[in-house]
Amino acid sequence: MLQMYKVFINDKPLFFAQKKQQLDAVEKVEFYKYESSAEFYSKISRLQKNMLICLISNRPKESIKDFFKEYCFITAAGGVVQNNTNQLLFIYRNNVWDLPKGKIEKNEDEKTAAVREVEEECGLKGPIITNDLISTYHTYERNGQLYLKKTYWFVMSYAKEHSLVPQIEEGITKVKWVNTKKLKSYIENSYGTIKSVIAEFLIKN
């Protein structure tokens, strides 16, 4: 099976793929053969302003490691939580609608971390993982350090009647169940990674 990965840089996707045909459904993509990080690193931010970029490589996963070798790699986990009326759980943090997620702690597996983060950020107790969903990659900078974050996403169900409590100390000011018919207005004010997660959820559910 052909490999393809998408890494969000400044909220725009950079694709790593084996074949051009893997992006046939995506418009306005410029393709480059990946040779080394030195060749592309300084160009990507400039190129991304005007178009989508795909770097072609026989081993996309290894190319990602090479391209982002100067970044600190961290892992996180989160959930797309659905209640009995098919509403989805969103949080509002830093003036953007988001999904509950957070860093995986030492000696913690992805699923345990995802459930813990949903509970902590939203005040829920005992959401149940029903399926794996997708993994996303994005970059950010903090205190002069560049980071590449991989987030493992899971579909969760929540059948209880429970008050939602935002984790204020993490900058979360609202937690809300959102009707799927009203998703558009929420994801328009969200991150590219979150749009990808929701799109994948809607395809599979």
Protein backbone atom coordinates (compact mmCIF):
# COMPACT_ATOMS: atom_id res chain seq x y z
CA MET A 1 0.00 0.00 0.00
CA LEU A 2 1.34 3.42 -0.96
CA GLN A 3 2.30 5.71 1.90
CA MET A 4 1.26 9.35 2.20
CA TYR A 5 1.57 11.74 5.11
CA LYS A 6 0.42 15.30 5.73
CA VAL A 7 2.23 17.67 8.10
CA PHE A 8 0.67 21.03 8.94
CA ILE A 9 3.15 23.93 8.94
CA ASN A 10 1.67 27.32 9.79
CA ASP A 11 -1.73 25.62 9.46
CA LYS A 12 -1.07 24.63 5.83
CA PRO A 13 -0.44 21.01 4.78
CA LEU A 14 2.87 19.79 3.43
CA PHE A 15 2.44 16.38 1.79
CA PHE A 16 4.95 13.54 1.70
CA ALA A 17 3.96 10.83 -0.79
CA GLN A 18 5.35 8.06 -2.98
CA LYS A 19 3.40 8.86 -6.17
CA LYS A 20 1.83 11.99 -7.65
CA GLN A 21 -1.35 10.03 -8.32
CA GLN A 22 -2.04 9.85 -4.58
CA LEU A 23 -3.06 13.51 -4.71
CA ASP A 24 -5.17 13.39 -7.87
CA ALA A 25 -8.20 14.65 -5.93
CA VAL A 26 -6.33 17.67 -4.53
CA GLU A 27 -6.16 20.82 -6.64
CA LYS A 28 -3.21 23.19 -7.12
CA VAL A 29 -0.44 20.96 -5.83
CA GLU A 30 3.17 21.45 -6.86
CA PHE A 31 5.35 18.34 -6.76
CA TYR A 32 9.05 18.08 -5.95
CA LYS A 33 11.30 15.04 -5.71
CA TYR A 34 12.65 14.90 -2.18
CA GLU A 35 16.42 14.67 -1.95
CA SER A 36 17.39 16.19 1.40
CA SER A 37 16.16 18.62 4.02
CA ALA A 38 18.88 21.11 3.08
CA GLU A 39 17.39 21.48 -0.40
CA PHE A 40 13.81 22.24 0.68
CA TYR A 41 13.84 23.51 4.25
CA SER A 42 14.32 27.19 3.43
CA LYS A 43 11.88 27.09 0.51
CA ILE A 44 8.82 25.51 2.06
CA SER A 45 7.41 28.47 4.01
CA ARG A 46 7.72 30.72 0.97
CA LEU A 47 6.20 28.17 -1.40
CA GLN A 48 3.33 27.33 0.93
CA LYS A 49 2.01 30.89 0.83
CA ASN A 50 0.80 30.40 -2.73
CA MET A 51 0.24 26.69 -3.27
CA LEU A 52 0.14 23.22 -1.78
CA ILE A 53 3.43 21.33 -1.83
CA CYS A 54 4.03 17.59 -2.11
CA LEU A 55 7.47 16.06 -1.69
CA ILE A 56 7.79 12.75 -3.55
CA SER A 57 9.90 10.06 -1.93
CA ASN A 58 10.17 6.27 -2.03
CA ARG A 59 10.14 6.31 1.78
CA PRO A 60 7.90 9.19 2.93
CA LYS A 61 8.11 8.36 6.62
CA GLU A 62 11.91 8.46 6.54
CA SER A 63 11.77 11.72 4.59
CA ILE A 64 9.63 13.27 7.33
CA LYS A 65 12.22 12.26 9.92
CA ASP A 66 14.98 13.80 7.82
CA PHE A 67 13.08 16.99 7.01
CA PHE A 68 12.17 17.65 10.64
CA LYS A 69 15.38 16.37 12.25
CA GLU A 70 15.99 19.74 13.93
CA TYR A 71 12.56 19.62 15.58
CA CYS A 72 11.75 18.18 18.99
CA PHE A 73 9.30 15.30 18.42
CA ILE A 74 6.42 14.89 20.87
CA THR A 75 3.31 12.73 20.90
CA ALA A 76 -0.24 13.54 21.95
CA ALA A 77 -3.66 11.91 21.91
CA GLY A 78 -7.24 13.11 21.70
CA GLY A 79 -10.80 12.19 20.96
CA VAL A 80 -13.77 12.89 18.76
CA VAL A 81 -16.47 12.33 21.37
CA GLN A 82 -20.06 11.65 20.32
CA ASN A 83 -23.09 11.57 22.63
CA ASN A 84 -26.41 9.72 22.31
CA THR A 85 -27.85 12.42 20.07
CA ASN A 86 -24.82 12.31 17.72
CA GLN A 87 -23.47 15.67 18.87
CA LEU A 88 -19.69 16.13 18.91
CA LEU A 89 -17.69 17.58 21.79
CA PHE A 90 -15.70 20.77 21.12
CA ILE A 91 -13.55 22.96 23.33
CA TYR A 92 -12.83 26.68 22.90
CA ARG A 93 -9.21 27.57 23.59
CA ASN A 94 -7.19 30.63 22.53
CA ASN A 95 -10.18 31.97 20.58
CA VAL A 96 -10.33 28.85 18.39
CA TRP A 97 -12.66 25.85 18.41
CA ASP A 98 -10.67 22.69 19.01
CA LEU A 99 -11.02 19.05 20.04
CA PRO A 100 -9.84 17.75 23.43
CA LYS A 101 -6.29 16.44 23.26
CA GLY A 102 -2.96 16.61 25.05
CA LYS A 103 0.54 15.23 25.49
CA ILE A 104 1.07 11.57 26.24
CA GLU A 105 2.73 11.17 29.61
CA LYS A 106 5.68 8.91 30.37
CA ASN A 107 4.72 5.20 30.48
CA GLU A 108 1.21 6.04 29.18
CA ASP A 109 -0.28 4.46 26.05
CA GLU A 110 -2.15 6.45 23.41
CA LYS A 111 -5.66 5.32 24.34
CA THR A 112 -5.20 5.95 28.05
CA ALA A 113 -3.84 9.41 27.29
CA ALA A 114 -6.73 10.25 24.97
CA VAL A 115 -9.36 9.30 27.56
CA ARG A 116 -7.51 11.17 30.33
CA GLU A 117 -7.24 14.34 28.25
CA VAL A 118 -10.95 14.30 27.38
CA GLU A 119 -11.82 13.83 31.05
CA GLU A 120 -9.47 16.58 32.25
CA GLU A 121 -10.26 19.18 29.59
CA CYS A 122 -14.03 18.68 29.51
CA GLY A 123 -14.95 17.44 32.98
CA LEU A 124 -16.37 14.13 31.73
CA LYS A 125 -16.00 10.76 33.42
CA GLY A 126 -15.50 7.53 31.51
CA PRO A 127 -15.78 8.23 27.76
CA ILE A 128 -15.48 4.95 25.86
CA ILE A 129 -13.19 4.49 22.87
CA THR A 130 -15.04 2.79 20.02
CA ASN A 131 -12.52 3.09 17.16
CA ASP A 132 -9.12 4.33 16.11
CA LEU A 133 -9.53 7.28 13.75
CA ILE A 134 -6.43 9.00 12.35
CA SER A 135 -3.03 10.40 13.28
CA THR A 136 -2.13 14.00 12.48
CA TYR A 137 1.14 15.92 12.38
CA HIS A 138 1.71 19.62 12.92
CA THR A 139 4.56 21.94 13.83
CA TYR A 140 4.80 24.87 16.21
CA GLU A 141 7.40 27.01 17.93
CA ARG A 142 7.64 27.75 21.64
CA ASN A 143 10.37 29.72 23.42
CA GLY A 144 12.61 29.44 20.37
CA GLN A 145 12.27 25.64 20.12
CA LEU A 146 10.63 24.02 17.08
CA TYR A 147 8.32 21.07 17.70
CA LEU A 148 6.78 18.37 15.52
CA LYS A 149 3.73 16.89 17.22
CA LYS A 150 2.06 13.62 16.26
CA THR A 151 -1.46 13.28 17.64
CA TYR A 152 -3.32 9.96 17.80
CA TRP A 153 -7.08 10.41 17.45
CA PHE A 154 -9.82 8.07 18.63
CA VAL A 155 -13.59 7.98 18.25
CA MET A 156 -15.32 7.94 21.64
CA SER A 157 -18.88 7.59 22.85
CA TYR A 158 -20.39 9.20 25.92
CA ALA A 159 -23.85 8.18 27.08
CA LYS A 160 -24.04 9.86 30.49
CA GLU A 161 -25.79 13.09 31.46
CA HIS A 162 -22.95 15.12 32.88
CA SER A 163 -22.18 18.81 33.22
CA LEU A 164 -19.33 20.03 31.03
CA VAL A 165 -16.52 21.77 32.92
CA PRO A 166 -13.75 23.51 30.92
CA GLN A 167 -10.20 23.15 32.22
CA ILE A 168 -9.57 26.86 32.77
CA GLU A 169 -5.93 26.41 33.77
CA GLU A 170 -5.26 25.03 30.27
CA GLY A 171 -6.80 28.08 28.62
CA ILE A 172 -10.10 26.36 27.82
CA THR A 173 -13.03 28.74 28.32
CA LYS A 174 -15.90 26.74 26.79
CA VAL A 175 -16.88 23.11 26.28
CA LYS A 176 -19.85 22.44 24.04
CA TRP A 177 -21.79 19.64 22.36
CA VAL A 178 -22.21 20.60 18.69
CA ASN A 179 -24.88 19.30 16.33
CA THR A 180 -23.27 17.80 13.23
CA LYS A 181 -25.53 19.98 11.06
CA LYS A 182 -23.84 23.06 12.56
CA LEU A 183 -20.26 21.83 12.30
CA LYS A 184 -19.30 24.15 9.45
CA SER A 185 -19.39 27.34 11.51
CA TYR A 186 -17.21 25.73 14.20
CA ILE A 187 -14.55 24.16 12.01
CA GLU A 188 -14.23 27.36 9.98
CA ASN A 189 -12.74 28.83 13.16
CA SER A 190 -10.43 25.90 13.82
CA TYR A 191 -7.06 24.48 12.83
CA GLY A 192 -6.21 22.59 9.66
CA THR A 193 -5.48 19.46 11.66
CA ILE A 194 -8.90 19.58 13.31
CA LYS A 195 -10.60 20.00 9.94
CA SER A 196 -8.78 16.86 8.76
CA VAL A 197 -9.85 14.92 11.84
CA ILE A 198 -13.51 15.92 11.50
CA ALA A 199 -13.48 15.17 7.75
CA GLU A 200 -12.11 11.69 8.45
CA PHE A 201 -14.70 11.13 11.17
CA LEU A 202 -17.58 12.11 8.85
CA ILE A 203 -16.29 9.78 6.13
CA LYS A 204 -16.12 6.82 8.51
CA ASN A 205 -19.29 7.47 10.53
